[in-house]
Amino acid sequence: QVQLVESGGGLVQAGGSLRLSCVASVRTNSNYAMGWFRQAPGKEREFVAAIHWSAEVTDYADSVKGRFTISRTNTKNTILLQMNSLKPEDTAVYYCATRKTGWGRNINNYDYWGQGTQVTVSS
């Protein structure tokens, strides 16, 4: 069982920045991939970004490409999401998730989820 804890959310003005962190309760091995998803009120949860440990491959949703950066720390149990040039449409609860095998954006293939952290961007 892997527990994930997100932090770093908050209220920011449009154009501002936030950095989210996700700490896993166990050190992940090279077969794990981790990702960020978000869910705005009244909308389905959507993919934001992902990073694979072994190849350090990353993937981003088109809506955040060039503005958000996903990275991991050397301890391999923490990932970060640096969010720049934030827009009001980025307002959502952001969730960290991890999957034991494979790679991709499909929400159903992620095995463990955090509780989420609220990000609110004012116009």
C-alpha atoms as a PDB file:
ATOM      1  CA  GLN A   1       0.000   0.000   0.000  1.00  0.00           C
ATOM      2  CA  VAL A   2       1.310   3.409  -0.975  1.00  0.00           C
ATOM      3  CA  GLN A   3       0.070   6.568   0.689  1.00  0.00           C
ATOM      4  CA  LEU A   4       0.415   9.888  -1.103  1.00  0.00           C
ATOM      5  CA  VAL A   5       0.239  13.311   0.531  1.00  0.00           C
ATOM      6  CA  GLU A   6      -0.044  16.485  -1.524  1.00  0.00           C
ATOM      7  CA  SER A   7       0.795  19.995  -0.369  1.00  0.00           C
ATOM      8  CA  GLY A   8       1.425  23.448  -1.791  1.00  0.00           C
ATOM      9  CA  GLY A   9      -2.004  24.458  -2.991  1.00  0.00           C
ATOM     10  CA  GLY A  10      -3.487  27.856  -2.300  1.00  0.00           C
ATOM     11  CA  LEU A  11      -4.915  31.046  -3.720  1.00  0.00           C
ATOM     12  CA  VAL A  12      -2.953  32.965  -6.325  1.00  0.00           C
ATOM     13  CA  GLN A  13      -3.680  35.700  -8.832  1.00  0.00           C
ATOM     14  CA  ALA A  14      -3.698  35.019 -12.547  1.00  0.00           C
ATOM     15  CA  GLY A  15      -0.159  35.020 -13.886  1.00  0.00           C
ATOM     16  CA  GLY A  16       1.254  33.837 -10.591  1.00  0.00           C
ATOM     17  CA  SER A  17       2.996  30.613  -9.641  1.00  0.00           C
ATOM     18  CA  LEU A  18       2.570  27.736  -7.225  1.00  0.00           C
ATOM     19  CA  ARG A  19       4.555  24.598  -6.573  1.00  0.00           C
ATOM     20  CA  LEU A  20       2.813  21.415  -5.527  1.00  0.00           C
ATOM     21  CA  SER A  21       4.565  18.548  -3.768  1.00  0.00           C
ATOM     22  CA  CYS A  22       3.572  14.913  -3.433  1.00  0.00           C
ATOM     23  CA  VAL A  23       5.311  12.635  -0.971  1.00  0.00           C
ATOM     24  CA  ALA A  24       4.900   8.878  -1.184  1.00  0.00           C
ATOM     25  CA  SER A  25       4.981   6.827   2.001  1.00  0.00           C
ATOM     26  CA  VAL A  26       7.405   4.336   0.508  1.00  0.00           C
ATOM     27  CA  ARG A  27      10.362   4.797  -1.744  1.00  0.00           C
ATOM     28  CA  THR A  28       9.197   3.981  -5.216  1.00  0.00           C
ATOM     29  CA  ASN A  29      11.180   1.735  -7.470  1.00  0.00           C
ATOM     30  CA  SER A  30      11.961   2.171 -11.106  1.00  0.00           C
ATOM     31  CA  ASN A  31       8.709   0.548 -12.204  1.00  0.00           C
ATOM     32  CA  TYR A  32       6.550   3.304 -10.779  1.00  0.00           C
ATOM     33  CA  ALA A  33       5.184   6.215 -12.703  1.00  0.00           C
ATOM     34  CA  MET A  34       3.617   9.165 -10.931  1.00  0.00           C
ATOM     35  CA  GLY A  35       1.265  11.794 -12.164  1.00  0.00           C
ATOM     36  CA  TRP A  36      -0.855  14.805 -11.387  1.00  0.00           C
ATOM     37  CA  PHE A  37      -4.535  15.053 -12.193  1.00  0.00           C
ATOM     38  CA  ARG A  38      -7.056  17.775 -11.441  1.00  0.00           C
ATOM     39  CA  GLN A  39     -10.782  18.098 -11.015  1.00  0.00           C
ATOM     40  CA  ALA A  40     -12.670  21.352 -11.325  1.00  0.00           C
ATOM     41  CA  PRO A  41     -16.208  21.762  -9.914  1.00  0.00           C
ATOM     42  CA  GLY A  42     -18.728  20.013 -12.091  1.00  0.00           C
ATOM     43  CA  LYS A  43     -16.077  18.462 -14.325  1.00  0.00           C
ATOM     44  CA  GLU A  44     -14.422  15.093 -14.606  1.00  0.00           C
ATOM     45  CA  ARG A  45     -10.970  14.460 -13.259  1.00  0.00           C
ATOM     46  CA  GLU A  46      -8.389  15.086 -15.984  1.00  0.00           C
ATOM     47  CA  PHE A  47      -4.752  14.325 -16.638  1.00  0.00           C
ATOM     48  CA  VAL A  48      -2.244  17.120 -16.052  1.00  0.00           C
ATOM     49  CA  ALA A  49       1.269  15.657 -16.113  1.00  0.00           C
ATOM     50  CA  ALA A  50       3.195  12.450 -15.473  1.00  0.00           C
ATOM     51  CA  ILE A  51       6.765  11.339 -14.900  1.00  0.00           C
ATOM     52  CA  HIS A  52       8.284   7.879 -15.188  1.00  0.00           C
ATOM     53  CA  TRP A  53      11.091   7.071 -12.805  1.00  0.00           C
ATOM     54  CA  SER A  54      13.243   4.773 -14.883  1.00  0.00           C
ATOM     55  CA  ALA A  55      13.528   6.792 -18.074  1.00  0.00           C
ATOM     56  CA  GLU A  56      12.624  10.145 -16.594  1.00  0.00           C
ATOM     57  CA  VAL A  57      10.127  10.541 -19.401  1.00  0.00           C
ATOM     58  CA  THR A  58       7.507  13.208 -18.866  1.00  0.00           C
ATOM     59  CA  ASP A  59       4.136  13.932 -20.414  1.00  0.00           C
ATOM     60  CA  TYR A  60       1.872  16.970 -20.228  1.00  0.00           C
ATOM     61  CA  ALA A  61      -1.658  17.831 -21.147  1.00  0.00           C
ATOM     62  CA  ASP A  62      -1.779  20.363 -23.956  1.00  0.00           C
ATOM     63  CA  SER A  63      -3.526  22.848 -21.682  1.00  0.00           C
ATOM     64  CA  VAL A  64      -0.511  23.081 -19.348  1.00  0.00           C
ATOM     65  CA  LYS A  65       2.403  22.407 -21.686  1.00  0.00           C
ATOM     66  CA  GLY A  66       4.988  25.155 -21.459  1.00  0.00           C
ATOM     67  CA  ARG A  67       3.577  26.438 -18.158  1.00  0.00           C
ATOM     68  CA  PHE A  68       3.815  23.447 -15.808  1.00  0.00           C
ATOM     69  CA  THR A  69       6.869  21.323 -15.047  1.00  0.00           C
ATOM     70  CA  ILE A  70       6.822  17.946 -13.330  1.00  0.00           C
ATOM     71  CA  SER A  71       9.974  16.678 -11.646  1.00  0.00           C
ATOM     72  CA  ARG A  72      11.115  14.302  -8.958  1.00  0.00           C
ATOM     73  CA  THR A  73      13.608  14.555  -6.163  1.00  0.00           C
ATOM     74  CA  ASN A  74      16.629  12.311  -5.845  1.00  0.00           C
ATOM     75  CA  THR A  75      14.950  10.401  -3.045  1.00  0.00           C
ATOM     76  CA  LYS A  76      12.437   9.136  -5.637  1.00  0.00           C
ATOM     77  CA  ASN A  77       9.541   9.384  -3.230  1.00  0.00           C
ATOM     78  CA  THR A  78       8.633  12.992  -3.931  1.00  0.00           C
ATOM     79  CA  ILE A  79       7.404  14.630  -7.078  1.00  0.00           C
ATOM     80  CA  LEU A  80       6.872  18.312  -7.712  1.00  0.00           C
ATOM     81  CA  LEU A  81       4.603  20.256 -10.023  1.00  0.00           C
ATOM     82  CA  GLN A  82       5.832  23.750 -10.724  1.00  0.00           C
ATOM     83  CA  MET A  83       2.933  25.796 -12.085  1.00  0.00           C
ATOM     84  CA  ASN A  84       3.700  29.117 -13.739  1.00  0.00           C
ATOM     85  CA  SER A  85       1.554  31.625 -15.607  1.00  0.00           C
ATOM     86  CA  LEU A  86      -1.513  30.312 -13.841  1.00  0.00           C
ATOM     87  CA  LYS A  87      -4.926  30.991 -15.325  1.00  0.00           C
ATOM     88  CA  PRO A  88      -8.369  31.030 -13.707  1.00  0.00           C
ATOM     89  CA  GLU A  89      -9.173  27.849 -15.653  1.00  0.00           C
ATOM     90  CA  ASP A  90      -6.415  26.072 -13.722  1.00  0.00           C
ATOM     91  CA  THR A  91      -8.597  26.297 -10.622  1.00  0.00           C
ATOM     92  CA  ALA A  92      -9.229  22.768  -9.380  1.00  0.00           C
ATOM     93  CA  VAL A  93      -8.379  20.195  -6.775  1.00  0.00           C
ATOM     94  CA  TYR A  94      -5.056  18.680  -7.775  1.00  0.00           C
ATOM     95  CA  TYR A  95      -4.410  15.007  -7.070  1.00  0.00           C
ATOM     96  CA  CYS A  96      -1.189  13.055  -7.046  1.00  0.00           C
ATOM     97  CA  ALA A  97      -1.355   9.445  -8.203  1.00  0.00           C
ATOM     98  CA  THR A  98       0.973   6.555  -8.853  1.00  0.00           C
ATOM     99  CA  ARG A  99       0.829   3.372 -10.870  1.00  0.00           C
ATOM    100  CA  LYS A 100       2.849   0.210 -10.400  1.00  0.00           C
ATOM    101  CA  THR A 101       3.418  -0.579 -14.043  1.00  0.00           C
ATOM    102  CA  GLY A 102       2.957   0.888 -17.434  1.00  0.00           C
ATOM    103  CA  TRP A 103       2.732   4.423 -18.647  1.00  0.00           C
ATOM    104  CA  GLY A 104       0.018   6.717 -19.850  1.00  0.00           C
ATOM    105  CA  ARG A 105      -2.713   9.222 -19.084  1.00  0.00           C
ATOM    106  CA  ASN A 106      -5.594   6.869 -18.381  1.00  0.00           C
ATOM    107  CA  ILE A 107      -6.905   7.698 -14.952  1.00  0.00           C
ATOM    108  CA  ASN A 108      -8.149   4.138 -14.449  1.00  0.00           C
ATOM    109  CA  ASN A 109      -4.621   2.745 -14.622  1.00  0.00           C
ATOM    110  CA  TYR A 110      -3.393   4.622 -11.567  1.00  0.00           C
ATOM    111  CA  ASP A 111      -3.422   2.504  -8.431  1.00  0.00           C
ATOM    112  CA  TYR A 112      -2.984   4.933  -5.535  1.00  0.00           C
ATOM    113  CA  TRP A 113      -4.286   8.454  -4.998  1.00  0.00           C
ATOM    114  CA  GLY A 114      -3.724  11.295  -2.590  1.00  0.00           C
ATOM    115  CA  GLN A 115      -6.465  13.340  -0.962  1.00  0.00           C
ATOM    116  CA  GLY A 116      -5.891  16.353  -3.175  1.00  0.00           C
ATOM    117  CA  THR A 117      -4.903  19.971  -2.675  1.00  0.00           C
ATOM    118  CA  GLN A 118      -6.971  22.976  -3.732  1.00  0.00           C
ATOM    119  CA  VAL A 119      -5.563  25.448  -6.237  1.00  0.00           C
ATOM    120  CA  THR A 120      -7.553  28.615  -6.816  1.00  0.00           C
ATOM    121  CA  VAL A 121      -6.530  31.205  -9.394  1.00  0.00           C
ATOM    122  CA  SER A 122      -8.287  34.549  -9.234  1.00  0.00           C
ATOM    123  CA  SER A 123      -8.723  36.794 -12.258  1.00  0.00           C
END
